[in-house]
Amino acid sequence: MPRWTCGIDGCDAAFDDVESAIVHQTNGHQRHECKVCGTIVPDGYFAIRHAFDEHTRAEFVRAYDADSGAVRRREEVKQQIEREADLQRVVERLDDAP
């Protein structure tokens, strides 16, 4: 049974491994424009990583009209992915994509 679902805009695509979910998010969905700085990034994991690695939690809350629950949920997703994902494998798969 797949353990990872996409979740972008109600997408219920499911995957056995987190790397496949990240590749799907990157290639299967439109890019996301960061509301803090305007940078264009892939939606999903990479957008979350950008938001929390490049900006403060307060900037995220203000720009996205988010609450502490939304911040915690995204931090949990980011931590879980980073515990389980082989991000080098993701990069290699993205580099190999047509």
C-alpha atoms as a PDB file:
ATOM      1  CA  MET A   1       0.000   0.000   0.000  1.00  0.00           C
ATOM      2  CA  PRO A   2       1.447   3.401  -0.969  1.00  0.00           C
ATOM      3  CA  ARG A   3       2.747   5.445   1.964  1.00  0.00           C
ATOM      4  CA  TRP A   4       3.155   8.826   0.334  1.00  0.00           C
ATOM      5  CA  THR A   5       0.501  10.962  -1.346  1.00  0.00           C
ATOM      6  CA  CYS A   6       1.026  14.135  -3.321  1.00  0.00           C
ATOM      7  CA  GLY A   7      -1.567  16.361  -1.657  1.00  0.00           C
ATOM      8  CA  ILE A   8      -1.065  19.398  -3.915  1.00  0.00           C
ATOM      9  CA  ASP A   9      -4.438  20.970  -4.755  1.00  0.00           C
ATOM     10  CA  GLY A  10      -6.262  17.775  -3.815  1.00  0.00           C
ATOM     11  CA  CYS A  11      -4.022  15.518  -5.936  1.00  0.00           C
ATOM     12  CA  ASP A  12      -4.295  12.033  -4.506  1.00  0.00           C
ATOM     13  CA  ALA A  13      -1.490  10.412  -6.504  1.00  0.00           C
ATOM     14  CA  ALA A  14       0.102   7.818  -4.218  1.00  0.00           C
ATOM     15  CA  PHE A  15       3.636   6.433  -4.133  1.00  0.00           C
ATOM     16  CA  ASP A  16       5.544   3.672  -2.378  1.00  0.00           C
ATOM     17  CA  ASP A  17       8.578   5.878  -1.795  1.00  0.00           C
ATOM     18  CA  VAL A  18       9.006   9.519  -0.898  1.00  0.00           C
ATOM     19  CA  GLU A  19      11.442  10.153  -3.732  1.00  0.00           C
ATOM     20  CA  SER A  20       8.758   9.294  -6.299  1.00  0.00           C
ATOM     21  CA  ALA A  21       6.311  11.634  -4.580  1.00  0.00           C
ATOM     22  CA  ILE A  22       8.811  14.514  -4.723  1.00  0.00           C
ATOM     23  CA  VAL A  23       9.607  13.844  -8.396  1.00  0.00           C
ATOM     24  CA  HIS A  24       5.873  13.798  -9.146  1.00  0.00           C
ATOM     25  CA  GLN A  25       5.332  17.099  -7.302  1.00  0.00           C
ATOM     26  CA  THR A  26       8.224  18.669  -9.194  1.00  0.00           C
ATOM     27  CA  ASN A  27       7.297  17.432 -12.668  1.00  0.00           C
ATOM     28  CA  GLY A  28       3.528  16.982 -12.391  1.00  0.00           C
ATOM     29  CA  HIS A  29       2.441  20.309 -10.955  1.00  0.00           C
ATOM     30  CA  GLN A  30       2.874  23.971 -11.744  1.00  0.00           C
ATOM     31  CA  ARG A  31       5.608  25.914 -10.032  1.00  0.00           C
ATOM     32  CA  HIS A  32       4.854  27.945  -6.913  1.00  0.00           C
ATOM     33  CA  GLU A  33       5.720  31.621  -6.485  1.00  0.00           C
ATOM     34  CA  CYS A  34       6.906  32.351  -2.966  1.00  0.00           C
ATOM     35  CA  LYS A  35       4.694  35.054  -1.478  1.00  0.00           C
ATOM     36  CA  VAL A  36       7.586  36.302   0.654  1.00  0.00           C
ATOM     37  CA  CYS A  37      10.273  36.882  -1.984  1.00  0.00           C
ATOM     38  CA  GLY A  38       8.759  36.002  -5.375  1.00  0.00           C
ATOM     39  CA  THR A  39      11.121  33.101  -6.088  1.00  0.00           C
ATOM     40  CA  ILE A  40       9.605  30.422  -8.317  1.00  0.00           C
ATOM     41  CA  VAL A  41      10.060  26.910  -6.895  1.00  0.00           C
ATOM     42  CA  PRO A  42       8.461  23.509  -7.482  1.00  0.00           C
ATOM     43  CA  ASP A  43       5.324  23.111  -5.390  1.00  0.00           C
ATOM     44  CA  GLY A  44       5.145  20.631  -2.515  1.00  0.00           C
ATOM     45  CA  TYR A  45       8.274  19.647  -0.606  1.00  0.00           C
ATOM     46  CA  PHE A  46      10.582  22.095  -2.383  1.00  0.00           C
ATOM     47  CA  ALA A  47       8.187  25.004  -1.703  1.00  0.00           C
ATOM     48  CA  ILE A  48       8.006  24.074   1.984  1.00  0.00           C
ATOM     49  CA  ARG A  49      11.773  23.718   2.187  1.00  0.00           C
ATOM     50  CA  HIS A  50      12.258  27.089   0.513  1.00  0.00           C
ATOM     51  CA  ALA A  51       9.809  28.805   2.850  1.00  0.00           C
ATOM     52  CA  PHE A  52      11.377  27.483   6.036  1.00  0.00           C
ATOM     53  CA  ASP A  53      15.022  27.496   5.000  1.00  0.00           C
ATOM     54  CA  GLU A  54      14.983  30.955   3.408  1.00  0.00           C
ATOM     55  CA  HIS A  55      12.444  32.837   5.526  1.00  0.00           C
ATOM     56  CA  THR A  56      11.383  33.171   9.128  1.00  0.00           C
ATOM     57  CA  ARG A  57       8.252  31.534  10.463  1.00  0.00           C
ATOM     58  CA  ALA A  58       6.811  35.016  11.034  1.00  0.00           C
ATOM     59  CA  GLU A  59       7.364  35.947   7.367  1.00  0.00           C
ATOM     60  CA  PHE A  60       5.586  32.750   6.315  1.00  0.00           C
ATOM     61  CA  VAL A  61       2.639  33.420   8.635  1.00  0.00           C
ATOM     62  CA  ARG A  62       2.235  36.991   7.363  1.00  0.00           C
ATOM     63  CA  ALA A  63       2.658  36.209   3.667  1.00  0.00           C
ATOM     64  CA  TYR A  64       0.378  33.158   3.635  1.00  0.00           C
ATOM     65  CA  ASP A  65      -2.102  34.310   6.292  1.00  0.00           C
ATOM     66  CA  ALA A  66      -1.203  31.079   8.102  1.00  0.00           C
ATOM     67  CA  ASP A  67      -1.508  30.097  11.726  1.00  0.00           C
ATOM     68  CA  SER A  68       0.803  28.156  14.016  1.00  0.00           C
ATOM     69  CA  GLY A  69      -0.942  24.901  13.105  1.00  0.00           C
ATOM     70  CA  ALA A  70      -0.143  25.388   9.426  1.00  0.00           C
ATOM     71  CA  VAL A  71       3.488  26.105  10.296  1.00  0.00           C
ATOM     72  CA  ARG A  72       3.747  23.006  12.509  1.00  0.00           C
ATOM     73  CA  ARG A  73       2.154  20.774   9.855  1.00  0.00           C
ATOM     74  CA  ARG A  74       4.585  21.925   7.174  1.00  0.00           C
ATOM     75  CA  GLU A  75       7.549  21.592   9.528  1.00  0.00           C
ATOM     76  CA  GLU A  76       6.455  18.030  10.340  1.00  0.00           C
ATOM     77  CA  VAL A  77       6.131  17.160   6.648  1.00  0.00           C
ATOM     78  CA  LYS A  78       9.569  18.653   5.932  1.00  0.00           C
ATOM     79  CA  GLN A  79      11.174  16.753   8.830  1.00  0.00           C
ATOM     80  CA  GLN A  80       9.552  13.447   7.900  1.00  0.00           C
ATOM     81  CA  ILE A  81      10.604  13.761   4.275  1.00  0.00           C
ATOM     82  CA  GLU A  82      14.160  14.704   5.211  1.00  0.00           C
ATOM     83  CA  ARG A  83      14.396  11.724   7.582  1.00  0.00           C
ATOM     84  CA  GLU A  84      13.314   9.282   4.891  1.00  0.00           C
ATOM     85  CA  ALA A  85      14.234  10.732   1.510  1.00  0.00           C
ATOM     86  CA  ASP A  86      17.420  10.195  -0.394  1.00  0.00           C
ATOM     87  CA  LEU A  87      17.506  13.702  -1.832  1.00  0.00           C
ATOM     88  CA  GLN A  88      20.526  12.907  -3.994  1.00  0.00           C
ATOM     89  CA  ARG A  89      18.428  10.201  -5.657  1.00  0.00           C
ATOM     90  CA  VAL A  90      15.666  12.770  -6.234  1.00  0.00           C
ATOM     91  CA  VAL A  91      18.140  15.147  -7.894  1.00  0.00           C
ATOM     92  CA  GLU A  92      19.473  12.336 -10.097  1.00  0.00           C
ATOM     93  CA  ARG A  93      15.955  11.336 -11.145  1.00  0.00           C
ATOM     94  CA  LEU A  94      15.066  14.944 -11.933  1.00  0.00           C
ATOM     95  CA  ASP A  95      18.279  15.353 -13.940  1.00  0.00           C
ATOM     96  CA  ASP A  96      17.441  12.198 -15.928  1.00  0.00           C
ATOM     97  CA  ALA A  97      13.871  13.308 -16.704  1.00  0.00           C
ATOM     98  CA  PRO A  98      13.188  14.275 -20.316  1.00  0.00           C
END
